Amino acid sequence: MMRRRDLLAMLGSSAVVLPSPAFAQPTGRLRLIGLLGAASPESSLPQSSAFMAGLQELGYQKGRDVDYATRWAYG
């Protein structure tokens, strides 16, 4: 016969092992990333291109996962 302590231990360990879908991130949401530059777009092109390429390496695709909004101060 199973003791109450063993039953509670089994139920408690199964609650830890099984993931809860209630805490999952929503999928299909488009994130907006703002790129702010102090100079002109031409002078900041290498940095912004490298940033966007890094996001692509991580699996983010423009239009599907992220979108970019760029603003420049032109000095």
C-alpha atoms as a PDB file:
ATOM      1  CA  MET A   1       0.000   0.000   0.000  1.00  0.00           C
ATOM      2  CA  MET A   2       1.307   3.456  -0.898  1.00  0.00           C
ATOM      3  CA  ARG A   3       1.891   5.874   1.902  1.00  0.00           C
ATOM      4  CA  ARG A   4       0.645   9.431   1.726  1.00  0.00           C
ATOM      5  CA  ARG A   5       4.197  10.812   1.814  1.00  0.00           C
ATOM      6  CA  ASP A   6       5.200   8.723  -1.210  1.00  0.00           C
ATOM      7  CA  LEU A   7       2.098   9.812  -3.116  1.00  0.00           C
ATOM      8  CA  LEU A   8       2.766  13.514  -2.413  1.00  0.00           C
ATOM      9  CA  ALA A   9       6.410  13.137  -3.417  1.00  0.00           C
ATOM     10  CA  MET A  10       5.399  11.489  -6.689  1.00  0.00           C
ATOM     11  CA  LEU A  11       2.819  14.162  -7.496  1.00  0.00           C
ATOM     12  CA  GLY A  12       5.227  16.966  -6.600  1.00  0.00           C
ATOM     13  CA  SER A  13       8.027  15.581  -8.778  1.00  0.00           C
ATOM     14  CA  SER A  14       5.699  15.089 -11.747  1.00  0.00           C
ATOM     15  CA  ALA A  15       4.594  18.733 -11.504  1.00  0.00           C
ATOM     16  CA  VAL A  16       8.231  19.847 -11.745  1.00  0.00           C
ATOM     17  CA  VAL A  17       9.044  17.565 -14.683  1.00  0.00           C
ATOM     18  CA  LEU A  18       6.033  18.401 -16.865  1.00  0.00           C
ATOM     19  CA  PRO A  19       6.268  21.847 -18.490  1.00  0.00           C
ATOM     20  CA  SER A  20       3.276  24.124 -18.314  1.00  0.00           C
ATOM     21  CA  PRO A  21       2.102  25.639 -21.627  1.00  0.00           C
ATOM     22  CA  ALA A  22       0.652  28.615 -19.742  1.00  0.00           C
ATOM     23  CA  PHE A  23       4.078  30.251 -19.499  1.00  0.00           C
ATOM     24  CA  ALA A  24       4.982  29.908 -23.189  1.00  0.00           C
ATOM     25  CA  GLN A  25       5.764  32.972 -25.264  1.00  0.00           C
ATOM     26  CA  PRO A  26       3.206  33.828 -27.927  1.00  0.00           C
ATOM     27  CA  THR A  27       4.423  32.991 -31.422  1.00  0.00           C
ATOM     28  CA  GLY A  28       3.874  34.904 -34.605  1.00  0.00           C
ATOM     29  CA  ARG A  29       4.319  38.302 -32.996  1.00  0.00           C
ATOM     30  CA  LEU A  30       6.265  40.874 -35.015  1.00  0.00           C
ATOM     31  CA  ARG A  31       8.798  42.774 -32.880  1.00  0.00           C
ATOM     32  CA  LEU A  32       9.820  46.321 -33.775  1.00  0.00           C
ATOM     33  CA  ILE A  33      13.481  47.259 -33.290  1.00  0.00           C
ATOM     34  CA  GLY A  34      14.405  50.939 -33.361  1.00  0.00           C
ATOM     35  CA  LEU A  35      17.813  51.913 -34.714  1.00  0.00           C
ATOM     36  CA  LEU A  36      18.838  55.430 -33.677  1.00  0.00           C
ATOM     37  CA  GLY A  37      21.924  57.023 -35.202  1.00  0.00           C
ATOM     38  CA  ALA A  38      23.661  60.312 -34.470  1.00  0.00           C
ATOM     39  CA  ALA A  39      25.216  60.628 -37.928  1.00  0.00           C
ATOM     40  CA  SER A  40      23.861  59.924 -41.401  1.00  0.00           C
ATOM     41  CA  PRO A  41      22.681  56.533 -42.693  1.00  0.00           C
ATOM     42  CA  GLU A  42      25.690  56.319 -45.025  1.00  0.00           C
ATOM     43  CA  SER A  43      28.233  56.677 -42.224  1.00  0.00           C
ATOM     44  CA  SER A  44      26.455  54.159 -39.957  1.00  0.00           C
ATOM     45  CA  LEU A  45      25.810  51.569 -42.664  1.00  0.00           C
ATOM     46  CA  PRO A  46      28.506  49.074 -41.517  1.00  0.00           C
ATOM     47  CA  GLN A  47      27.207  49.009 -37.926  1.00  0.00           C
ATOM     48  CA  SER A  48      23.528  48.731 -38.826  1.00  0.00           C
ATOM     49  CA  SER A  49      24.240  46.070 -41.455  1.00  0.00           C
ATOM     50  CA  ALA A  50      26.287  44.042 -38.966  1.00  0.00           C
ATOM     51  CA  PHE A  51      23.501  44.318 -36.386  1.00  0.00           C
ATOM     52  CA  MET A  52      20.871  43.091 -38.845  1.00  0.00           C
ATOM     53  CA  ALA A  53      23.165  40.277 -40.049  1.00  0.00           C
ATOM     54  CA  GLY A  54      23.698  39.202 -36.423  1.00  0.00           C
ATOM     55  CA  LEU A  55      19.965  38.968 -35.884  1.00  0.00           C
ATOM     56  CA  GLN A  56      19.646  36.867 -39.032  1.00  0.00           C
ATOM     57  CA  GLU A  57      22.343  34.518 -37.731  1.00  0.00           C
ATOM     58  CA  LEU A  58      20.254  34.078 -34.591  1.00  0.00           C
ATOM     59  CA  GLY A  59      17.270  33.062 -36.724  1.00  0.00           C
ATOM     60  CA  TYR A  60      15.300  36.309 -36.862  1.00  0.00           C
ATOM     61  CA  GLN A  61      13.916  37.277 -40.274  1.00  0.00           C
ATOM     62  CA  LYS A  62      12.807  40.751 -41.280  1.00  0.00           C
ATOM     63  CA  GLY A  63       9.073  40.858 -41.872  1.00  0.00           C
ATOM     64  CA  ARG A  64       8.444  37.526 -40.124  1.00  0.00           C
ATOM     65  CA  ASP A  65       9.951  37.978 -36.634  1.00  0.00           C
ATOM     66  CA  VAL A  66      11.258  41.554 -36.530  1.00  0.00           C
ATOM     67  CA  ASP A  67      10.907  44.867 -38.308  1.00  0.00           C
ATOM     68  CA  TYR A  68      13.256  47.845 -38.152  1.00  0.00           C
ATOM     69  CA  ALA A  69      12.519  51.538 -37.699  1.00  0.00           C
ATOM     70  CA  THR A  70      15.569  53.724 -38.377  1.00  0.00           C
ATOM     71  CA  ARG A  71      16.005  57.388 -37.490  1.00  0.00           C
ATOM     72  CA  TRP A  72      19.082  59.564 -38.009  1.00  0.00           C
ATOM     73  CA  ALA A  73      20.087  62.870 -36.414  1.00  0.00           C
ATOM     74  CA  TYR A  74      22.473  63.891 -39.236  1.00  0.00           C
ATOM     75  CA  GLY A  75      24.985  65.248 -36.768  1.00  0.00           C
END
